[in-house]
Amino acid sequence: MSGGGEPRIRPSGDRLLLDLKVQPGASKSELAGIQQGRLRVRIAAAPEDGKANRELAAFFARLLCCSKGDLALKTGEKSRLKTLAIPSKYGEALGRILEAQKLTQ
């Protein structure tokens, strides 16, 4: 893994915006470290017909213990570089997840 650093998280109203770099078509959905200010995520779904985006939302919903409907893809619908909007009330859980990623790099 290269260029760890801090992942970009920005407040936007009652949401937090998290920058991601997504790798679809992986063998399983998992976090894969931090690269150039983006949280790397491997997704076990093909990048076709929105399958990878749906799995991305389901994966983060499992991580944060929230519903998929709480999450919104703000940018990157057809790109590997995405920005996910997460309700601010999940900020503490998100912080724990990101801290664990920094420790495993």
PDB file of N, CA and C in Angstrom:
ATOM      1  N   MET A   1       0.836  -1.171   0.000  1.00  0.00           N
ATOM      2  CA  MET A   1       0.000   0.000   0.000  1.00  0.00           C
ATOM      3  C   MET A   1       0.883   1.237   0.000  1.00  0.00           C
ATOM      4  N   SER A   2       0.468   2.223  -0.737  1.00  0.00           N
ATOM      5  CA  SER A   2       1.311   3.409  -0.848  1.00  0.00           C
ATOM      6  C   SER A   2       0.574   4.648  -0.388  1.00  0.00           C
ATOM      7  N   GLY A   3       1.363   5.621   0.095  1.00  0.00           N
ATOM      8  CA  GLY A   3       0.833   6.951   0.373  1.00  0.00           C
ATOM      9  C   GLY A   3      -0.330   6.982   1.318  1.00  0.00           C
ATOM     10  N   GLY A   4      -0.214   6.388   2.519  1.00  0.00           N
ATOM     11  CA  GLY A   4      -1.300   6.338   3.480  1.00  0.00           C
ATOM     12  C   GLY A   4      -1.886   7.695   3.786  1.00  0.00           C
ATOM     13  N   GLY A   5      -1.418   8.299   4.873  1.00  0.00           N
ATOM     14  CA  GLY A   5      -1.935   9.604   5.258  1.00  0.00           C
ATOM     15  C   GLY A   5      -3.307   9.498   5.886  1.00  0.00           C
ATOM     16  N   GLU A   6      -3.927  10.612   6.020  1.00  0.00           N
ATOM     17  CA  GLU A   6      -5.258  10.696   6.614  1.00  0.00           C
ATOM     18  C   GLU A   6      -6.311  10.667   5.512  1.00  0.00           C
ATOM     19  N   PRO A   7      -7.367   9.896   5.689  1.00  0.00           N
ATOM     20  CA  PRO A   7      -8.446   9.942   4.702  1.00  0.00           C
ATOM     21  C   PRO A   7      -9.199  11.266   4.805  1.00  0.00           C
ATOM     22  N   ARG A   8      -9.683  11.740   3.680  1.00  0.00           N
ATOM     23  CA  ARG A   8     -10.413  13.015   3.665  1.00  0.00           C
ATOM     24  C   ARG A   8     -11.843  12.800   4.146  1.00  0.00           C
ATOM     25  N   ILE A   9     -12.183  13.495   5.217  1.00  0.00           N
ATOM     26  CA  ILE A   9     -13.551  13.513   5.741  1.00  0.00           C
ATOM     27  C   ILE A   9     -13.921  14.976   5.903  1.00  0.00           C
ATOM     28  N   ARG A  10     -15.035  15.355   5.300  1.00  0.00           N
ATOM     29  CA  ARG A  10     -15.476  16.751   5.365  1.00  0.00           C
ATOM     30  C   ARG A  10     -16.913  16.808   5.859  1.00  0.00           C
ATOM     31  N   PRO A  11     -17.223  17.745   6.749  1.00  0.00           N
ATOM     32  CA  PRO A  11     -18.621  17.922   7.142  1.00  0.00           C
ATOM     33  C   PRO A  11     -19.396  18.604   6.021  1.00  0.00           C
ATOM     34  N   SER A  12     -20.640  18.215   5.871  1.00  0.00           N
ATOM     35  CA  SER A  12     -21.535  18.842   4.892  1.00  0.00           C
ATOM     36  C   SER A  12     -22.945  18.765   5.461  1.00  0.00           C
ATOM     37  N   GLY A  13     -23.364  19.829   6.109  1.00  0.00           N
ATOM     38  CA  GLY A  13     -24.673  19.823   6.760  1.00  0.00           C
ATOM     39  C   GLY A  13     -24.675  18.795   7.886  1.00  0.00           C
ATOM     40  N   ASP A  14     -25.638  17.889   7.857  1.00  0.00           N
ATOM     41  CA  ASP A  14     -25.723  16.849   8.895  1.00  0.00           C
ATOM     42  C   ASP A  14     -25.043  15.550   8.457  1.00  0.00           C
ATOM     43  N   ARG A  15     -24.139  15.657   7.476  1.00  0.00           N
ATOM     44  CA  ARG A  15     -23.439  14.473   6.954  1.00  0.00           C
ATOM     45  C   ARG A  15     -21.932  14.680   6.967  1.00  0.00           C
ATOM     46  N   LEU A  16     -21.240  13.558   6.899  1.00  0.00           N
ATOM     47  CA  LEU A  16     -19.792  13.547   6.710  1.00  0.00           C
ATOM     48  C   LEU A  16     -19.520  12.986   5.328  1.00  0.00           C
ATOM     49  N   LEU A  17     -18.635  13.629   4.592  1.00  0.00           N
ATOM     50  CA  LEU A  17     -18.279  13.159   3.259  1.00  0.00           C
ATOM     51  C   LEU A  17     -16.939  12.440   3.346  1.00  0.00           C
ATOM     52  N   LEU A  18     -16.912  11.193   2.923  1.00  0.00           N
ATOM     53  CA  LEU A  18     -15.719  10.346   2.988  1.00  0.00           C
ATOM     54  C   LEU A  18     -15.282  10.005   1.569  1.00  0.00           C
ATOM     55  N   ASP A  19     -14.025  10.325   1.251  1.00  0.00           N
ATOM     56  CA  ASP A  19     -13.481  10.019  -0.072  1.00  0.00           C
ATOM     57  C   ASP A  19     -12.982   8.585  -0.105  1.00  0.00           C
ATOM     58  N   LEU A  20     -13.341   7.873  -1.159  1.00  0.00           N
ATOM     59  CA  LEU A  20     -13.016   6.455  -1.305  1.00  0.00           C
ATOM     60  C   LEU A  20     -12.322   6.178  -2.629  1.00  0.00           C
ATOM     61  N   LYS A  21     -11.541   5.134  -2.651  1.00  0.00           N
ATOM     62  CA  LYS A  21     -11.045   4.551  -3.889  1.00  0.00           C
ATOM     63  C   LYS A  21     -11.533   3.108  -3.871  1.00  0.00           C
ATOM     64  N   VAL A  22     -12.405   2.767  -4.816  1.00  0.00           N
ATOM     65  CA  VAL A  22     -13.098   1.482  -4.808  1.00  0.00           C
ATOM     66  C   VAL A  22     -12.541   0.564  -5.882  1.00  0.00           C
ATOM     67  N   GLN A  23     -12.309  -0.678  -5.498  1.00  0.00           N
ATOM     68  CA  GLN A  23     -11.875  -1.711  -6.435  1.00  0.00           C
ATOM     69  C   GLN A  23     -12.991  -2.750  -6.537  1.00  0.00           C
ATOM     70  N   PRO A  24     -13.792  -2.693  -7.584  1.00  0.00           N
ATOM     71  CA  PRO A  24     -14.862  -3.681  -7.743  1.00  0.00           C
ATOM     72  C   PRO A  24     -14.298  -5.010  -8.244  1.00  0.00           C
ATOM     73  N   GLY A  25     -15.094  -6.054  -8.134  1.00  0.00           N
ATOM     74  CA  GLY A  25     -14.701  -7.364  -8.644  1.00  0.00           C
ATOM     75  C   GLY A  25     -13.744  -8.112  -7.733  1.00  0.00           C
ATOM     76  N   ALA A  26     -13.641  -7.721  -6.476  1.00  0.00           N
ATOM     77  CA  ALA A  26     -12.756  -8.402  -5.523  1.00  0.00           C
ATOM     78  C   ALA A  26     -13.395  -9.717  -5.064  1.00  0.00           C
ATOM     79  N   SER A  27     -12.592 -10.566  -4.447  1.00  0.00           N
ATOM     80  CA  SER A  27     -13.123 -11.849  -3.968  1.00  0.00           C
ATOM     81  C   SER A  27     -14.025 -11.667  -2.754  1.00  0.00           C
ATOM     82  N   LYS A  28     -13.787 -10.593  -1.965  1.00  0.00           N
ATOM     83  CA  LYS A  28     -14.678 -10.276  -0.841  1.00  0.00           C
ATOM     84  C   LYS A  28     -14.640  -8.777  -0.603  1.00  0.00           C
ATOM     85  N   SER A  29     -15.682  -8.271   0.019  1.00  0.00           N
ATOM     86  CA  SER A  29     -15.734  -6.845   0.348  1.00  0.00           C
ATOM     87  C   SER A  29     -14.951  -6.617   1.626  1.00  0.00           C
ATOM     88  N   GLU A  30     -13.993  -5.654   1.550  1.00  0.00           N
ATOM     89  CA  GLU A  30     -13.150  -5.377   2.706  1.00  0.00           C
ATOM     90  C   GLU A  30     -12.464  -4.027   2.548  1.00  0.00           C
ATOM     91  N   LEU A  31     -12.041  -3.475   3.676  1.00  0.00           N
ATOM     92  CA  LEU A  31     -11.247  -2.263   3.654  1.00  0.00           C
ATOM     93  C   LEU A  31      -9.813  -2.651   3.328  1.00  0.00           C
ATOM     94  N   ALA A  32      -9.128  -1.782   2.589  1.00  0.00           N
ATOM     95  CA  ALA A  32      -7.789  -2.128   2.105  1.00  0.00           C
ATOM     96  C   ALA A  32      -6.781  -1.018   2.368  1.00  0.00           C
ATOM     97  N   GLY A  33      -6.961  -0.259   3.441  1.00  0.00           N
ATOM     98  CA  GLY A  33      -5.991   0.760   3.792  1.00  0.00           C
ATOM     99  C   GLY A  33      -6.381   2.143   3.310  1.00  0.00           C
ATOM    100  N   ILE A  34      -5.414   3.026   3.370  1.00  0.00           N
ATOM    101  CA  ILE A  34      -5.611   4.421   2.984  1.00  0.00           C
ATOM    102  C   ILE A  34      -4.564   4.760   1.933  1.00  0.00           C
ATOM    103  N   GLN A  35      -5.008   5.363   0.854  1.00  0.00           N
ATOM    104  CA  GLN A  35      -4.102   5.715  -0.237  1.00  0.00           C
ATOM    105  C   GLN A  35      -4.430   7.114  -0.734  1.00  0.00           C
ATOM    106  N   GLN A  36      -3.446   7.992  -0.705  1.00  0.00           N
ATOM    107  CA  GLN A  36      -3.579   9.350  -1.215  1.00  0.00           C
ATOM    108  C   GLN A  36      -4.838  10.043  -0.698  1.00  0.00           C
ATOM    109  N   GLY A  37      -5.066   9.937   0.617  1.00  0.00           N
ATOM    110  CA  GLY A  37      -6.193  10.618   1.238  1.00  0.00           C
ATOM    111  C   GLY A  37      -7.542   9.972   1.013  1.00  0.00           C
ATOM    112  N   ARG A  38      -7.548   8.766   0.478  1.00  0.00           N
ATOM    113  CA  ARG A  38      -8.812   8.057   0.243  1.00  0.00           C
ATOM    114  C   ARG A  38      -8.782   6.699   0.936  1.00  0.00           C
ATOM    115  N   LEU A  39      -9.890   6.338   1.525  1.00  0.00           N
ATOM    116  CA  LEU A  39     -10.027   5.006   2.092  1.00  0.00           C
ATOM    117  C   LEU A  39     -10.205   4.023   0.934  1.00  0.00           C
ATOM    118  N   ARG A  40      -9.334   3.023   0.857  1.00  0.00           N
ATOM    119  CA  ARG A  40      -9.426   2.012  -0.206  1.00  0.00           C
ATOM    120  C   ARG A  40     -10.402   0.929   0.223  1.00  0.00           C
ATOM    121  N   VAL A  41     -11.293   0.567  -0.699  1.00  0.00           N
ATOM    122  CA  VAL A  41     -12.315  -0.432  -0.411  1.00  0.00           C
ATOM    123  C   VAL A  41     -12.362  -1.427  -1.562  1.00  0.00           C
ATOM    124  N   ARG A  42     -12.229  -2.700  -1.243  1.00  0.00           N
ATOM    125  CA  ARG A  42     -12.424  -3.754  -2.238  1.00  0.00           C
ATOM    126  C   ARG A  42     -13.872  -4.216  -2.124  1.00  0.00           C
ATOM    127  N   ILE A  43     -14.528  -4.335  -3.277  1.00  0.00           N
ATOM    128  CA  ILE A  43     -15.952  -4.681  -3.292  1.00  0.00           C
ATOM    129  C   ILE A  43     -16.163  -5.964  -4.091  1.00  0.00           C
ATOM    130  N   ALA A  44     -16.894  -6.894  -3.506  1.00  0.00           N
ATOM    131  CA  ALA A  44     -17.169  -8.184  -4.129  1.00  0.00           C
ATOM    132  C   ALA A  44     -18.414  -8.103  -5.004  1.00  0.00           C
ATOM    133  N   ALA A  45     -18.355  -7.247  -5.988  1.00  0.00           N
ATOM    134  CA  ALA A  45     -19.444  -7.121  -6.957  1.00  0.00           C
ATOM    135  C   ALA A  45     -18.851  -6.530  -8.230  1.00  0.00           C
ATOM    136  N   ALA A  46     -19.441  -6.903  -9.336  1.00  0.00           N
ATOM    137  CA  ALA A  46     -18.971  -6.409 -10.630  1.00  0.00           C
ATOM    138  C   ALA A  46     -19.381  -4.951 -10.829  1.00  0.00           C
ATOM    139  N   PRO A  47     -18.569  -4.190 -11.573  1.00  0.00           N
ATOM    140  CA  PRO A  47     -18.910  -2.786 -11.834  1.00  0.00           C
ATOM    141  C   PRO A  47     -19.884  -2.655 -12.999  1.00  0.00           C
ATOM    142  N   GLU A  48     -21.015  -3.298 -12.888  1.00  0.00           N
ATOM    143  CA  GLU A  48     -22.010  -3.233 -13.965  1.00  0.00           C
ATOM    144  C   GLU A  48     -23.400  -3.065 -13.376  1.00  0.00           C
ATOM    145  N   ASP A  49     -24.199  -2.273 -14.025  1.00  0.00           N
ATOM    146  CA  ASP A  49     -25.591  -2.031 -13.613  1.00  0.00           C
ATOM    147  C   ASP A  49     -25.718  -1.579 -12.161  1.00  0.00           C
ATOM    148  N   GLY A  50     -24.720  -0.874 -11.641  1.00  0.00           N
ATOM    149  CA  GLY A  50     -24.798  -0.364 -10.278  1.00  0.00           C
ATOM    150  C   GLY A  50     -24.585  -1.394  -9.185  1.00  0.00           C
ATOM    151  N   LYS A  51     -24.200  -2.626  -9.551  1.00  0.00           N
ATOM    152  CA  LYS A  51     -24.023  -3.685  -8.542  1.00  0.00           C
ATOM    153  C   LYS A  51     -22.948  -3.324  -7.528  1.00  0.00           C
ATOM    154  N   ALA A  52     -21.822  -2.816  -7.989  1.00  0.00           N
ATOM    155  CA  ALA A  52     -20.736  -2.465  -7.065  1.00  0.00           C
ATOM    156  C   ALA A  52     -21.156  -1.327  -6.135  1.00  0.00           C
ATOM    157  N   ASN A  53     -21.883  -0.355  -6.636  1.00  0.00           N
ATOM    158  CA  ASN A  53     -22.346   0.747  -5.782  1.00  0.00           C
ATOM    159  C   ASN A  53     -23.327   0.249  -4.727  1.00  0.00           C
ATOM    160  N   ARG A  54     -24.200  -0.668  -5.101  1.00  0.00           N
ATOM    161  CA  ARG A  54     -25.143  -1.228  -4.116  1.00  0.00           C
ATOM    162  C   ARG A  54     -24.400  -2.032  -3.048  1.00  0.00           C
ATOM    163  N   GLU A  55     -23.407  -2.811  -3.462  1.00  0.00           N
ATOM    164  CA  GLU A  55     -22.616  -3.578  -2.490  1.00  0.00           C
ATOM    165  C   GLU A  55     -21.796  -2.644  -1.608  1.00  0.00           C
ATOM    166  N   LEU A  56     -21.292  -1.553  -2.169  1.00  0.00           N
ATOM    167  CA  LEU A  56     -20.553  -0.573  -1.376  1.00  0.00           C
ATOM    168  C   LEU A  56     -21.445  -0.025  -0.255  1.00  0.00           C
ATOM    169  N   ALA A  57     -22.670   0.352  -0.587  1.00  0.00           N
ATOM    170  CA  ALA A  57     -23.607   0.857   0.425  1.00  0.00           C
ATOM    171  C   ALA A  57     -23.916  -0.222   1.458  1.00  0.00           C
ATOM    172  N   ALA A  58     -24.138  -1.447   1.016  1.00  0.00           N
ATOM    173  CA  ALA A  58     -24.442  -2.545   1.943  1.00  0.00           C
ATOM    174  C   ALA A  58     -23.246  -2.818   2.860  1.00  0.00           C
ATOM    175  N   PHE A  59     -22.044  -2.774   2.309  1.00  0.00           N
ATOM    176  CA  PHE A  59     -20.837  -3.016   3.090  1.00  0.00           C
ATOM    177  C   PHE A  59     -20.664  -1.948   4.178  1.00  0.00           C
ATOM    178  N   PHE A  60     -20.808  -0.678   3.807  1.00  0.00           N
ATOM    179  CA  PHE A  60     -20.677   0.391   4.807  1.00  0.00           C
ATOM    180  C   PHE A  60     -21.829   0.358   5.811  1.00  0.00           C
ATOM    181  N   ALA A  61     -22.996  -0.046   5.386  1.00  0.00           N
ATOM    182  CA  ALA A  61     -24.117  -0.172   6.326  1.00  0.00           C
ATOM    183  C   ALA A  61     -23.795  -1.234   7.382  1.00  0.00           C
ATOM    184  N   ARG A  62     -23.170  -2.336   6.960  1.00  0.00           N
ATOM    185  CA  ARG A  62     -22.772  -3.374   7.922  1.00  0.00           C
ATOM    186  C   ARG A  62     -21.682  -2.836   8.859  1.00  0.00           C
ATOM    187  N   LEU A  63     -20.701  -2.139   8.315  1.00  0.00           N
ATOM    188  CA  LEU A  63     -19.607  -1.600   9.137  1.00  0.00           C
ATOM    189  C   LEU A  63     -20.109  -0.607  10.184  1.00  0.00           C
ATOM    190  N   LEU A  64     -21.015   0.252   9.782  1.00  0.00           N
ATOM    191  CA  LEU A  64     -21.482   1.337  10.649  1.00  0.00           C
ATOM    192  C   LEU A  64     -22.740   0.984  11.435  1.00  0.00           C
ATOM    193  N   CYS A  65     -23.288  -0.213  11.189  1.00  0.00           N
ATOM    194  CA  CYS A  65     -24.539  -0.634  11.841  1.00  0.00           C
ATOM    195  C   CYS A  65     -25.656   0.371  11.574  1.00  0.00           C
ATOM    196  N   CYS A  66     -25.835   0.697  10.306  1.00  0.00           N
ATOM    197  CA  CYS A  66     -26.904   1.602   9.901  1.00  0.00           C
ATOM    198  C   CYS A  66     -27.631   0.977   8.706  1.00  0.00           C
ATOM    199  N   SER A  67     -28.640   1.633   8.219  1.00  0.00           N
ATOM    200  CA  SER A  67     -29.342   1.118   7.041  1.00  0.00           C
ATOM    201  C   SER A  67     -28.687   1.664   5.777  1.00  0.00           C
ATOM    202  N   LYS A  68     -28.817   0.927   4.686  1.00  0.00           N
ATOM    203  CA  LYS A  68     -28.278   1.390   3.404  1.00  0.00           C
ATOM    204  C   LYS A  68     -28.876   2.730   3.021  1.00  0.00           C
ATOM    205  N   GLY A  69     -30.133   2.949   3.389  1.00  0.00           N
ATOM    206  CA  GLY A  69     -30.816   4.192   3.064  1.00  0.00           C
ATOM    207  C   GLY A  69     -30.226   5.414   3.760  1.00  0.00           C
ATOM    208  N   ASP A  70     -29.465   5.180   4.840  1.00  0.00           N
ATOM    209  CA  ASP A  70     -28.813   6.294   5.535  1.00  0.00           C
ATOM    210  C   ASP A  70     -27.639   6.848   4.743  1.00  0.00           C
ATOM    211  N   LEU A  71     -27.109   6.051   3.807  1.00  0.00           N
ATOM    212  CA  LEU A  71     -25.903   6.404   3.067  1.00  0.00           C
ATOM    213  C   LEU A  71     -26.258   6.906   1.676  1.00  0.00           C
ATOM    214  N   ALA A  72     -25.435   7.799   1.150  1.00  0.00           N
ATOM    215  CA  ALA A  72     -25.674   8.322  -0.199  1.00  0.00           C
ATOM    216  C   ALA A  72     -24.341   8.486  -0.920  1.00  0.00           C
ATOM    217  N   LEU A  73     -24.324   8.075  -2.162  1.00  0.00           N
ATOM    218  CA  LEU A  73     -23.144   8.281  -2.998  1.00  0.00           C
ATOM    219  C   LEU A  73     -23.248   9.692  -3.584  1.00  0.00           C
ATOM    220  N   LYS A  74     -22.343  10.574  -3.168  1.00  0.00           N
ATOM    221  CA  LYS A  74     -22.402  11.970  -3.620  1.00  0.00           C
ATOM    222  C   LYS A  74     -21.735  12.160  -4.970  1.00  0.00           C
ATOM    223  N   THR A  75     -20.588  11.502  -5.179  1.00  0.00           N
ATOM    224  CA  THR A  75     -19.882  11.598  -6.458  1.00  0.00           C
ATOM    225  C   THR A  75     -19.304  10.240  -6.819  1.00  0.00           C
ATOM    226  N   GLY A  76     -19.053  10.050  -8.106  1.00  0.00           N
ATOM    227  CA  GLY A  76     -18.350   8.863  -8.564  1.00  0.00           C
ATOM    228  C   GLY A  76     -19.204   7.674  -8.907  1.00  0.00           C
ATOM    229  N   GLU A  77     -20.442   7.911  -9.325  1.00  0.00           N
ATOM    230  CA  GLU A  77     -21.331   6.788  -9.624  1.00  0.00           C
ATOM    231  C   GLU A  77     -20.693   5.796 -10.600  1.00  0.00           C
ATOM    232  N   LYS A  78     -19.971   6.290 -11.586  1.00  0.00           N
ATOM    233  CA  LYS A  78     -19.353   5.416 -12.582  1.00  0.00           C
ATOM    234  C   LYS A  78     -17.824   5.483 -12.543  1.00  0.00           C
ATOM    235  N   SER A  79     -17.281   5.841 -11.399  1.00  0.00           N
ATOM    236  CA  SER A  79     -15.840   5.991 -11.233  1.00  0.00           C
ATOM    237  C   SER A  79     -15.375   5.171 -10.032  1.00  0.00           C
ATOM    238  N   ARG A  80     -14.101   4.850 -10.003  1.00  0.00           N
ATOM    239  CA  ARG A  80     -13.533   4.179  -8.829  1.00  0.00           C
ATOM    240  C   ARG A  80     -13.291   5.173  -7.693  1.00  0.00           C
ATOM    241  N   LEU A  81     -13.180   6.446  -8.024  1.00  0.00           N
ATOM    242  CA  LEU A  81     -13.021   7.486  -7.015  1.00  0.00           C
ATOM    243  C   LEU A  81     -14.406   8.009  -6.654  1.00  0.00           C
ATOM    244  N   LYS A  82     -14.797   7.794  -5.411  1.00  0.00           N
ATOM    245  CA  LYS A  82     -16.162   8.101  -4.983  1.00  0.00           C
ATOM    246  C   LYS A  82     -16.134   8.922  -3.703  1.00  0.00           C
ATOM    247  N   THR A  83     -17.242   9.596  -3.435  1.00  0.00           N
ATOM    248  CA  THR A  83     -17.443  10.277  -2.163  1.00  0.00           C
ATOM    249  C   THR A  83     -18.763   9.771  -1.587  1.00  0.00           C
ATOM    250  N   LEU A  84     -18.666   9.226  -0.379  1.00  0.00           N
ATOM    251  CA  LEU A  84     -19.831   8.669   0.298  1.00  0.00           C
ATOM    252  C   LEU A  84     -20.283   9.632   1.384  1.00  0.00           C
ATOM    253  N   ALA A  85     -21.580   9.920   1.429  1.00  0.00           N
ATOM    254  CA  ALA A  85     -22.159  10.786   2.466  1.00  0.00           C
ATOM    255  C   ALA A  85     -22.727   9.898   3.571  1.00  0.00           C
ATOM    256  N   ILE A  86     -22.254  10.144   4.785  1.00  0.00           N
ATOM    257  CA  ILE A  86     -22.624   9.341   5.948  1.00  0.00           C
ATOM    258  C   ILE A  86     -23.223  10.282   6.991  1.00  0.00           C
ATOM    259  N   PRO A  87     -24.368   9.936   7.596  1.00  0.00           N
ATOM    260  CA  PRO A  87     -24.922  10.806   8.636  1.00  0.00           C
ATOM    261  C   PRO A  87     -23.907  11.059   9.751  1.00  0.00           C
ATOM    262  N   SER A  88     -23.837  12.283  10.224  1.00  0.00           N
ATOM    263  CA  SER A  88     -22.873  12.672  11.257  1.00  0.00           C
ATOM    264  C   SER A  88     -23.000  11.839  12.520  1.00  0.00           C
ATOM    265  N   LYS A  89     -24.185  11.329  12.795  1.00  0.00           N
ATOM    266  CA  LYS A  89     -24.360  10.538  14.025  1.00  0.00           C
ATOM    267  C   LYS A  89     -23.527   9.257  14.009  1.00  0.00           C
ATOM    268  N   TYR A  90     -23.010   8.859  12.853  1.00  0.00           N
ATOM    269  CA  TYR A  90     -22.144   7.688  12.764  1.00  0.00           C
ATOM    270  C   TYR A  90     -20.671   8.083  12.736  1.00  0.00           C
ATOM    271  N   GLY A  91     -20.372   9.332  13.056  1.00  0.00           N
ATOM    272  CA  GLY A  91     -19.000   9.827  13.020  1.00  0.00           C
ATOM    273  C   GLY A  91     -18.061   9.087  13.959  1.00  0.00           C
ATOM    274  N   GLU A  92     -18.537   8.745  15.146  1.00  0.00           N
ATOM    275  CA  GLU A  92     -17.685   8.036  16.105  1.00  0.00           C
ATOM    276  C   GLU A  92     -17.337   6.642  15.587  1.00  0.00           C
ATOM    277  N   ALA A  93     -18.309   5.932  15.063  1.00  0.00           N
ATOM    278  CA  ALA A  93     -18.058   4.598  14.503  1.00  0.00           C
ATOM    279  C   ALA A  93     -17.112   4.692  13.307  1.00  0.00           C
ATOM    280  N   LEU A  94     -17.312   5.694  12.473  1.00  0.00           N
ATOM    281  CA  LEU A  94     -16.435   5.894  11.321  1.00  0.00           C
ATOM    282  C   LEU A  94     -15.009   6.185  11.785  1.00  0.00           C
ATOM    283  N   GLY A  95     -14.866   6.993  12.813  1.00  0.00           N
ATOM    284  CA  GLY A  95     -13.546   7.298  13.351  1.00  0.00           C
ATOM    285  C   GLY A  95     -12.820   6.060  13.837  1.00  0.00           C
ATOM    286  N   ARG A  96     -13.535   5.152  14.506  1.00  0.00           N
ATOM    287  CA  ARG A  96     -12.920   3.903  14.976  1.00  0.00           C
ATOM    288  C   ARG A  96     -12.460   3.051  13.804  1.00  0.00           C
ATOM    289  N   ILE A  97     -13.266   2.987  12.762  1.00  0.00           N
ATOM    290  CA  ILE A  97     -12.921   2.196  11.568  1.00  0.00           C
ATOM    291  C   ILE A  97     -11.672   2.770  10.907  1.00  0.00           C
ATOM    292  N   LEU A  98     -11.618   4.070  10.762  1.00  0.00           N
ATOM    293  CA  LEU A  98     -10.475   4.713  10.108  1.00  0.00           C
ATOM    294  C   LEU A  98      -9.213   4.572  10.950  1.00  0.00           C
ATOM    295  N   GLU A  99      -9.338   4.682  12.245  1.00  0.00           N
ATOM    296  CA  GLU A  99      -8.182   4.523  13.127  1.00  0.00           C
ATOM    297  C   GLU A  99      -7.629   3.108  13.011  1.00  0.00           C
ATOM    298  N   ALA A 100      -8.497   2.118  12.959  1.00  0.00           N
ATOM    299  CA  ALA A 100      -8.051   0.732  12.790  1.00  0.00           C
ATOM    300  C   ALA A 100      -7.316   0.550  11.466  1.00  0.00           C
ATOM    301  N   GLN A 101      -7.771   1.225  10.421  1.00  0.00           N
ATOM    302  CA  GLN A 101      -7.092   1.117   9.129  1.00  0.00           C
ATOM    303  C   GLN A 101      -5.697   1.718   9.184  1.00  0.00           C
ATOM    304  N   LYS A 102      -5.550   2.832   9.882  1.00  0.00           N
ATOM    305  CA  LYS A 102      -4.237   3.465   9.996  1.00  0.00           C
ATOM    306  C   LYS A 102      -3.276   2.545  10.755  1.00  0.00           C
ATOM    307  N   LEU A 103      -3.775   1.845  11.759  1.00  0.00           N
ATOM    308  CA  LEU A 103      -2.924   0.968  12.581  1.00  0.00           C
ATOM    309  C   LEU A 103      -2.499  -0.287  11.820  1.00  0.00           C
ATOM    310  N   THR A 104      -3.286  -0.707  10.844  1.00  0.00           N
ATOM    311  CA  THR A 104      -2.954  -1.946  10.129  1.00  0.00           C
ATOM    312  C   THR A 104      -2.069  -1.702   8.918  1.00  0.00           C
ATOM    313  N   GLN A 105      -1.770  -0.462   8.606  1.00  0.00           N
ATOM    314  CA  GLN A 105      -0.928  -0.193   7.431  1.00  0.00           C
ATOM    315  C   GLN A 105       0.535  -0.368   7.750  1.00  0.00           C
TER     316      GLN A 105
END
